[in-house]
Amino acid sequence: MHEEWVETPVGRARVDWFPAAHHRATLVLGHGTATGVEAADLQALAHALPARGVTVALVTQPYRIEHNPSVADPASLDRAWAAVWARITAVTSPGPVIAGGRSAGSQVVCRTAKELGAAAALVLAYPVRGPGSPGELASVTLPTLVVQGGRDPFGTAAELPALPGHMTVVEIPRADHMFLASSDSASRGNLEAVVTSVAVWLDAVLGTAGGQR
């Protein structure tokens, strides 16, 4: 892993790179509001996917770096994400670039993925009950995987709006908003299920993406 700092219109962002030895694609992941890129699901994906040919870039928003809540609003999050996305797509190896995020980070993805030219969208723990907008999620026109915890207080898979056919929904039954459970072993099982679901979906997406960016 190595880190890179990126200047954005609202402050400096950090990218933690987890490069794949045999690169097929890049997955860019953003964090939520309660935790940063140390969130267990993001870390699990960052450590597991490079072995499957997917370079992972974990993006820390400027408001967390600079402890500045004034740039934690949706417009600022989107502006910072767009600046980091431009840097990542300029320097990463050839291949599809997929936009992903958890909770508030997944909302950024829903708002920006199409415009930024993402090949697909990964939505983890979308906060449909709370700050999230069902219409915002349903409006994504790219191939999309939505992964929800079955015990997520911000919304389970059953509470999602009707979604179009290009969206795949996976529920992790015993998982909360962080995909954790009441025991360490159950939490490990949840995170393994998240990784497996994402890996299977990525294989399907990359099989149709043509390997071009």
Protein backbone atom coordinates (compact mmCIF):
# COMPACT_ATOMS: atom_id res chain seq x y z
CA MET A 1 0.00 0.00 0.00
CA HIS A 2 1.15 3.54 -0.69
CA GLU A 3 -0.56 6.88 -0.22
CA GLU A 4 -0.94 9.90 -2.45
CA TRP A 5 -2.22 13.39 -1.68
CA VAL A 6 -4.54 15.14 -4.13
CA GLU A 7 -5.47 18.81 -4.12
CA THR A 8 -9.19 19.40 -4.59
CA PRO A 9 -11.33 22.58 -4.67
CA VAL A 10 -12.23 22.01 -1.00
CA GLY A 11 -8.89 20.88 0.44
CA ARG A 12 -6.47 17.98 0.28
CA ALA A 13 -7.72 14.42 -0.11
CA ARG A 14 -5.72 11.26 0.46
CA VAL A 15 -5.68 8.17 -1.74
CA ASP A 16 -4.47 4.88 -0.28
CA TRP A 17 -3.45 2.65 -3.17
CA PHE A 18 -3.63 -1.15 -3.04
CA PRO A 19 -2.20 -2.18 -6.43
CA ALA A 20 -2.98 -5.43 -8.19
CA ALA A 21 -0.04 -7.46 -9.47
CA HIS A 22 -2.00 -8.50 -12.57
CA HIS A 23 -4.23 -5.48 -13.13
CA ARG A 24 -7.67 -5.83 -14.72
CA ALA A 25 -9.53 -2.84 -13.30
CA THR A 26 -9.53 -0.15 -10.63
CA LEU A 27 -12.11 0.18 -7.85
CA VAL A 28 -12.28 3.61 -6.20
CA LEU A 29 -13.92 3.53 -2.76
CA GLY A 30 -15.19 6.39 -0.60
CA HIS A 31 -16.03 6.30 3.11
CA GLY A 32 -19.09 7.24 5.14
CA THR A 33 -19.49 9.92 7.78
CA ALA A 34 -19.12 7.88 10.98
CA THR A 35 -15.85 6.26 9.93
CA GLY A 36 -13.16 6.84 7.35
CA VAL A 37 -11.39 4.35 5.11
CA GLU A 38 -10.56 2.29 8.20
CA ALA A 39 -14.11 0.86 7.98
CA ALA A 40 -13.91 -2.92 8.07
CA ASP A 41 -15.69 -3.51 4.77
CA LEU A 42 -13.47 -1.07 2.86
CA GLN A 43 -10.34 -2.59 4.37
CA ALA A 44 -11.53 -6.12 3.60
CA LEU A 45 -12.07 -5.21 -0.06
CA ALA A 46 -8.77 -3.33 -0.30
CA HIS A 47 -6.83 -6.32 0.98
CA ALA A 48 -8.72 -9.05 -0.90
CA LEU A 49 -9.37 -7.67 -4.38
CA PRO A 50 -5.79 -6.96 -5.59
CA ALA A 51 -5.17 -10.71 -5.63
CA ARG A 52 -8.10 -10.92 -8.07
CA GLY A 53 -6.60 -8.33 -10.41
CA VAL A 54 -8.45 -5.28 -9.09
CA THR A 55 -6.43 -2.28 -7.92
CA VAL A 56 -8.22 -0.56 -5.03
CA ALA A 57 -7.98 3.15 -4.25
CA LEU A 58 -9.39 4.25 -0.88
CA VAL A 59 -10.26 7.95 -0.86
CA THR A 60 -10.31 10.04 2.32
CA GLN A 61 -12.33 13.22 1.88
CA PRO A 62 -10.76 16.61 2.74
CA TYR A 63 -13.18 17.29 5.60
CA ARG A 64 -11.72 14.33 7.51
CA ILE A 65 -8.14 15.26 6.72
CA GLU A 66 -8.59 18.87 7.76
CA HIS A 67 -11.31 18.37 10.42
CA ASN A 68 -13.47 20.86 8.57
CA PRO A 69 -17.19 20.03 8.68
CA SER A 70 -17.98 23.01 6.47
CA VAL A 71 -16.85 20.96 3.45
CA ALA A 72 -18.80 17.83 4.40
CA ASP A 73 -21.94 18.92 2.53
CA PRO A 74 -23.00 16.93 -0.57
CA ALA A 75 -21.76 19.54 -3.07
CA SER A 76 -18.31 19.68 -1.45
CA LEU A 77 -18.08 15.89 -1.24
CA ASP A 78 -18.94 15.62 -4.93
CA ARG A 79 -16.39 18.28 -5.94
CA ALA A 80 -13.61 16.62 -3.99
CA TRP A 81 -14.53 13.19 -5.36
CA ALA A 82 -14.50 14.51 -8.93
CA ALA A 83 -11.02 15.99 -8.47
CA VAL A 84 -9.67 12.77 -6.99
CA TRP A 85 -11.37 10.73 -9.71
CA ALA A 86 -9.63 12.81 -12.38
CA ARG A 87 -6.27 12.13 -10.77
CA ILE A 88 -6.91 8.41 -10.37
CA THR A 89 -8.08 7.91 -13.94
CA ALA A 90 -5.03 9.83 -15.18
CA VAL A 91 -2.50 7.63 -13.41
CA THR A 92 -4.03 4.18 -12.96
CA SER A 93 -3.30 1.29 -15.30
CA PRO A 94 -5.57 0.78 -18.34
CA GLY A 95 -8.88 -0.91 -17.74
CA PRO A 96 -12.34 -0.09 -16.40
CA VAL A 97 -12.57 2.21 -13.39
CA ILE A 98 -15.45 1.46 -11.02
CA ALA A 99 -16.88 3.92 -8.51
CA GLY A 100 -17.78 2.65 -5.06
CA GLY A 101 -18.47 3.80 -1.55
CA ARG A 102 -20.20 3.04 1.70
CA SER A 103 -23.07 5.00 3.29
CA ALA A 104 -22.54 8.72 2.53
CA GLY A 105 -19.77 7.69 0.14
CA SER A 106 -22.26 5.56 -1.77
CA GLN A 107 -24.48 8.63 -2.15
CA VAL A 108 -21.56 10.48 -3.76
CA VAL A 109 -21.20 7.57 -6.17
CA CYS A 110 -24.90 7.64 -7.07
CA ARG A 111 -24.74 11.36 -7.83
CA THR A 112 -21.51 11.37 -9.85
CA ALA A 113 -20.65 7.97 -11.34
CA LYS A 114 -22.27 8.43 -14.74
CA GLU A 115 -20.93 11.95 -15.29
CA LEU A 116 -17.40 10.94 -14.29
CA GLY A 117 -17.35 8.03 -16.71
CA ALA A 118 -17.34 5.13 -14.26
CA ALA A 119 -17.77 1.68 -15.76
CA ALA A 120 -20.04 0.56 -12.91
CA ALA A 121 -21.09 1.48 -9.38
CA LEU A 122 -20.66 -0.33 -6.06
CA VAL A 123 -23.07 0.81 -3.33
CA LEU A 124 -22.37 -0.42 0.21
CA ALA A 125 -24.81 0.22 3.08
CA TYR A 126 -26.87 2.84 1.28
CA PRO A 127 -28.64 4.95 3.96
CA VAL A 128 -32.13 4.73 2.50
CA ARG A 129 -33.68 5.42 5.93
CA GLY A 130 -32.13 8.73 6.89
CA PRO A 131 -30.08 11.04 4.67
CA GLY A 132 -30.29 8.85 1.59
CA SER A 133 -32.74 9.46 -1.22
CA PRO A 134 -34.44 6.40 -2.75
CA GLY A 135 -34.70 8.30 -6.02
CA GLU A 136 -30.99 9.07 -5.96
CA LEU A 137 -30.18 5.36 -5.77
CA ALA A 138 -32.76 4.29 -8.34
CA SER A 139 -31.55 6.90 -10.84
CA VAL A 140 -28.13 5.29 -11.37
CA THR A 141 -28.00 4.00 -14.94
CA LEU A 142 -24.75 2.01 -14.73
CA PRO A 143 -24.34 -1.65 -13.79
CA THR A 144 -24.65 -1.46 -10.00
CA LEU A 145 -24.22 -3.75 -7.01
CA VAL A 146 -26.02 -2.76 -3.81
CA VAL A 147 -24.93 -4.58 -0.63
CA GLN A 148 -27.05 -4.03 2.49
CA GLY A 149 -26.94 -5.46 5.99
CA GLY A 150 -30.01 -7.40 7.07
CA ARG A 151 -29.91 -5.57 10.42
CA ASP A 152 -28.92 -2.16 9.10
CA PRO A 153 -30.85 0.53 11.03
CA PHE A 154 -30.46 2.83 8.01
CA GLY A 155 -32.26 0.39 5.73
CA THR A 156 -32.25 -3.27 4.75
CA ALA A 157 -32.56 -4.69 1.25
CA ALA A 158 -36.31 -5.04 1.79
CA GLU A 159 -36.57 -1.29 2.37
CA LEU A 160 -34.86 -0.29 -0.86
CA PRO A 161 -37.00 1.27 -3.59
CA ALA A 162 -37.91 -0.69 -6.68
CA LEU A 163 -34.67 -0.83 -8.65
CA PRO A 164 -34.08 -1.33 -12.38
CA GLY A 165 -32.80 -4.58 -13.81
CA HIS A 166 -29.19 -3.46 -14.20
CA MET A 167 -28.91 -3.30 -10.41
CA THR A 168 -28.04 -6.34 -8.32
CA VAL A 169 -28.96 -6.38 -4.62
CA VAL A 170 -27.25 -8.59 -2.03
CA GLU A 171 -28.27 -8.71 1.62
CA ILE A 172 -25.88 -9.88 4.33
CA PRO A 173 -28.47 -11.26 6.78
CA ARG A 174 -26.87 -10.72 10.20
CA ALA A 175 -24.99 -7.53 9.36
CA ASP A 176 -25.48 -4.03 10.71
CA HIS A 177 -24.65 -0.76 8.92
CA MET A 178 -20.91 -1.54 9.22
CA PHE A 179 -21.51 -5.18 8.14
CA LEU A 180 -20.57 -6.27 11.66
CA ALA A 181 -22.42 -8.62 14.01
CA SER A 182 -22.63 -9.52 17.69
CA SER A 183 -19.53 -11.73 17.64
CA ASP A 184 -16.12 -11.52 16.02
CA SER A 185 -16.66 -14.77 14.13
CA ALA A 186 -20.01 -13.61 12.76
CA SER A 187 -18.48 -10.27 11.76
CA ARG A 188 -15.68 -12.07 9.91
CA GLY A 189 -18.29 -14.15 8.11
CA ASN A 190 -20.21 -11.03 7.12
CA LEU A 191 -17.10 -9.34 5.73
CA GLU A 192 -16.16 -12.48 3.81
CA ALA A 193 -19.67 -12.48 2.32
CA VAL A 194 -19.27 -8.84 1.28
CA VAL A 195 -15.94 -9.58 -0.40
CA THR A 196 -17.30 -12.65 -2.17
CA SER A 197 -20.39 -10.79 -3.41
CA VAL A 198 -18.30 -7.92 -4.74
CA ALA A 199 -15.74 -10.23 -6.34
CA VAL A 200 -18.39 -12.28 -8.16
CA TRP A 201 -20.11 -9.12 -9.39
CA LEU A 202 -16.82 -7.59 -10.54
CA ASP A 203 -16.02 -10.72 -12.53
CA ALA A 204 -19.37 -10.37 -14.29
CA VAL A 205 -18.89 -6.64 -14.93
CA LEU A 206 -15.35 -7.06 -16.19
CA GLY A 207 -16.46 -9.84 -18.46
CA THR A 208 -18.69 -7.34 -20.29
CA ALA A 209 -16.60 -4.17 -19.93
CA GLY A 210 -14.18 -5.11 -22.67
CA GLY A 211 -11.14 -4.10 -20.65
CA GLN A 212 -11.17 -0.56 -22.02
CA ARG A 213 -11.27 2.79 -20.30
